[in-house]
Amino acid sequence: MTANIIELAKEMRATYERGREEGVGLFIGSFRFPLSGSEGASRYFAYMVMTRYPECRVRLVKGYDQLRLEQHFWVVVDDRVYDLASDRFDGMSAPVMGESDTPLSARFSERRFIDGDAIFENWHPGERFQKARVLRYINHRLAQPHLHLVKG
């Protein structure tokens, strides 16, 4: 199962990069992804995992760095970490996909775990970023032959 979810993570990352290149607004920060946009990227990825693999336990993690007054989001699926925007940070050369932990857990040590409908159904990204339209774009891209743009 982990291999399938890693493959989905790579496809989602490539889709976000493609959206950025095409100027398609997917979520707040998507025009600068992965430098920003970890919340939207993580929520859409979590939704896709929950939809495709309903037997998995999916949690969205909202981490805080009090020193830098910064927040960052990632996803945990069955105790494996998926951080599609982790490479924006110094010392991170690639996204975290299917690892047992993330090196960023020390930096973002204050965490809130979000489960169930609160991950996606109860999330309101704003009128500009309509979830149904973004999901159509993502599903369209995932259905096409793809080249992974992810390092590693």
Protein backbone atom coordinates (compact mmCIF):
# COMPACT_ATOMS: atom_id res chain seq x y z
CA MET A 1 0.00 0.00 0.00
CA THR A 2 2.79 2.45 0.88
CA ALA A 3 4.26 2.13 -2.63
CA ASN A 4 0.90 3.09 -4.16
CA ILE A 5 0.57 6.11 -1.90
CA ILE A 6 4.15 7.20 -2.64
CA GLU A 7 3.30 6.98 -6.35
CA LEU A 8 0.18 9.09 -5.77
CA ALA A 9 2.26 11.61 -3.80
CA LYS A 10 4.71 11.92 -6.71
CA GLU A 11 1.83 12.39 -9.15
CA MET A 12 0.21 15.02 -6.93
CA ARG A 13 3.50 16.88 -6.56
CA ALA A 14 3.97 16.86 -10.35
CA THR A 15 0.37 18.10 -10.75
CA TYR A 16 0.99 21.01 -8.38
CA GLU A 17 4.17 21.92 -10.26
CA ARG A 18 2.32 21.71 -13.56
CA GLY A 19 -0.45 23.94 -12.22
CA ARG A 20 2.15 26.49 -11.13
CA GLU A 21 3.78 26.44 -14.57
CA GLU A 22 0.40 26.79 -16.31
CA GLY A 23 -0.70 29.60 -14.00
CA VAL A 24 -3.64 27.60 -12.63
CA GLY A 25 -4.68 28.70 -9.14
CA LEU A 26 -5.12 25.49 -7.17
CA PHE A 27 -4.88 26.77 -3.60
CA ILE A 28 -3.46 29.70 -1.67
CA GLY A 29 0.26 29.78 -2.42
CA SER A 30 0.07 27.44 -5.42
CA PHE A 31 1.65 30.01 -7.74
CA ARG A 32 4.81 29.75 -5.62
CA PHE A 33 4.60 26.05 -4.74
CA PRO A 34 6.57 24.52 -3.01
CA LEU A 35 7.80 27.78 -1.44
CA SER A 36 4.28 28.28 -0.15
CA GLY A 37 1.01 26.38 -0.26
CA SER A 38 1.69 23.49 2.10
CA GLU A 39 -1.84 23.64 3.51
CA GLY A 40 -3.68 23.32 0.20
CA ALA A 41 -1.20 20.79 -1.16
CA SER A 42 -1.58 18.64 1.96
CA ARG A 43 -5.36 18.87 2.13
CA TYR A 44 -5.85 17.85 -1.51
CA PHE A 45 -3.34 15.01 -1.16
CA ALA A 46 -5.05 13.79 2.02
CA TYR A 47 -8.42 13.92 0.27
CA MET A 48 -7.14 11.87 -2.66
CA VAL A 49 -5.68 9.26 -0.30
CA MET A 50 -8.92 9.06 1.70
CA THR A 51 -10.91 8.67 -1.52
CA ARG A 52 -8.68 6.05 -3.13
CA TYR A 53 -7.66 4.16 0.01
CA PRO A 54 -10.52 4.47 2.52
CA GLU A 55 -9.01 1.74 4.68
CA CYS A 56 -6.03 3.99 5.53
CA ARG A 57 -5.85 6.23 8.57
CA VAL A 58 -5.18 9.73 7.24
CA ARG A 59 -4.27 12.71 9.41
CA LEU A 60 -3.39 16.26 8.46
CA VAL A 61 -0.68 17.78 10.63
CA LYS A 62 -0.53 21.52 11.22
CA GLY A 63 2.86 22.31 12.71
CA TYR A 64 3.93 25.57 14.32
CA ASP A 65 7.39 27.05 14.69
CA GLN A 66 6.97 29.57 17.50
CA LEU A 67 10.48 30.98 17.07
CA ARG A 68 9.89 31.97 13.43
CA LEU A 69 6.12 32.47 13.77
CA GLU A 70 5.62 30.04 10.92
CA GLN A 71 3.26 27.16 10.20
CA HIS A 72 3.61 24.18 7.89
CA PHE A 73 1.30 21.30 6.93
CA TRP A 74 1.98 17.67 6.06
CA VAL A 75 0.05 14.39 5.96
CA VAL A 76 0.44 11.16 7.91
CA VAL A 77 -1.01 8.00 6.34
CA ASP A 78 -0.84 4.87 8.50
CA ASP A 79 2.11 6.31 10.45
CA ARG A 80 4.04 7.26 7.27
CA VAL A 81 4.84 10.92 6.58
CA TYR A 82 4.11 12.68 3.27
CA ASP A 83 5.27 16.28 3.01
CA LEU A 84 4.98 17.41 -0.59
CA ALA A 85 6.42 20.86 0.16
CA SER A 86 9.24 20.00 2.59
CA ASP A 87 11.97 20.78 0.08
CA ARG A 88 11.32 24.49 0.49
CA PHE A 89 13.33 24.36 3.72
CA ASP A 90 17.11 24.52 4.04
CA GLY A 91 18.63 21.07 4.26
CA MET A 92 15.70 19.39 2.50
CA SER A 93 16.46 18.48 -1.11
CA ALA A 94 13.29 16.50 -1.89
CA PRO A 95 9.76 16.02 -0.58
CA VAL A 96 9.24 13.54 2.24
CA MET A 97 7.28 10.57 0.90
CA GLY A 98 6.43 7.52 2.96
CA GLU A 99 9.04 8.03 5.66
CA SER A 100 8.61 7.15 9.32
CA ASP A 101 9.30 10.76 10.34
CA THR A 102 10.23 14.13 8.91
CA PRO A 103 13.32 16.11 9.85
CA LEU A 104 10.96 19.08 10.15
CA SER A 105 9.17 17.61 13.17
CA ALA A 106 11.77 19.18 15.48
CA ARG A 107 11.30 22.61 13.92
CA PHE A 108 7.50 22.40 13.94
CA SER A 109 7.27 20.84 17.37
CA GLU A 110 3.91 22.31 18.32
CA ARG A 111 1.38 20.29 16.31
CA ARG A 112 -2.33 19.98 15.79
CA PHE A 113 -3.72 16.82 14.21
CA ILE A 114 -6.77 17.13 11.97
CA ASP A 115 -8.89 14.07 11.16
CA GLY A 116 -11.96 13.06 9.20
CA ASP A 117 -14.19 15.64 7.56
CA ALA A 118 -12.17 18.47 9.09
CA ILE A 119 -9.36 17.67 6.65
CA PHE A 120 -11.28 18.49 3.49
CA GLU A 121 -15.08 18.64 3.69
CA ASN A 122 -15.10 21.31 6.41
CA TRP A 123 -12.21 23.28 4.84
CA HIS A 124 -13.11 26.50 3.04
CA PRO A 125 -10.19 27.75 0.91
CA GLY A 126 -12.11 30.77 -0.40
CA GLU A 127 -14.20 31.55 -3.47
CA ARG A 128 -11.21 31.92 -5.77
CA PHE A 129 -10.13 28.34 -5.12
CA GLN A 130 -13.29 26.29 -5.65
CA LYS A 131 -12.62 22.75 -4.51
CA ALA A 132 -14.74 21.10 -7.23
CA ARG A 133 -12.83 22.94 -9.98
CA VAL A 134 -9.46 22.13 -8.44
CA LEU A 135 -10.41 18.46 -8.05
CA ARG A 136 -11.40 18.33 -11.74
CA TYR A 137 -7.99 19.73 -12.67
CA ILE A 138 -6.17 17.29 -10.38
CA ASN A 139 -8.15 14.28 -11.62
CA HIS A 140 -7.60 15.35 -15.24
CA ARG A 141 -3.84 15.56 -14.67
CA LEU A 142 -3.69 12.28 -12.75
CA ALA A 143 -5.48 10.50 -15.60
CA GLN A 144 -2.82 11.53 -18.11
CA PRO A 145 0.55 9.89 -18.70
CA HIS A 146 2.93 11.66 -16.39
CA LEU A 147 6.55 12.45 -15.92
CA HIS A 148 7.55 12.90 -12.32
CA LEU A 149 9.22 16.23 -11.78
CA VAL A 150 10.26 15.28 -8.26
CA LYS A 151 13.91 14.90 -7.41
CA GLY A 152 14.80 11.59 -5.85
